[in-house]
Amino acid sequence: MSDCVFCNIIEGKIPSVPVYENEHIIAFKDINPQAPTHLLIVPRKHIPTTMDIVEGDMKDIIPEIFAAVKHLAGQFNLEQGGFRVVNNCGKDGGQTVDHLHFHLLGGRQLTWPPG
């Protein structure tokens, strides 16, 4: 999708700082970090929201996202202190980019409730 910022990042049209990628996903540093470590994990396939995930995505993409979370938590030394994984769905859920993505946040004490 030409107007999707994450599709443009995936296609290399917008620069990013990738930290992990494979056939199904890419992870990169958030440009407006809310924690010392703030990464975005994004499927290469354009999926607008969590509600648009189909059965094939459950098999091929979602496991890759959580494998990346585990890998990145280790790479960024988050597993000891802990971290948060967030997916915002829809406008009222706080989603600002209509492309499925997960935030991995850590490196400090995170508060609850988040907002």
Foldseek 3Di string as FASTA:
>chain_A
DVPFPVLCCLVVVDDFAWDDDDPFWTKTADPDDPAPGKIKIFTNDFQQFPVRDDPVCVVPPPVVSVVVLVVVCVVVVNPVVHWDKDWQGDVVSPDDGRGTMIIIHDDDDDDPPPD
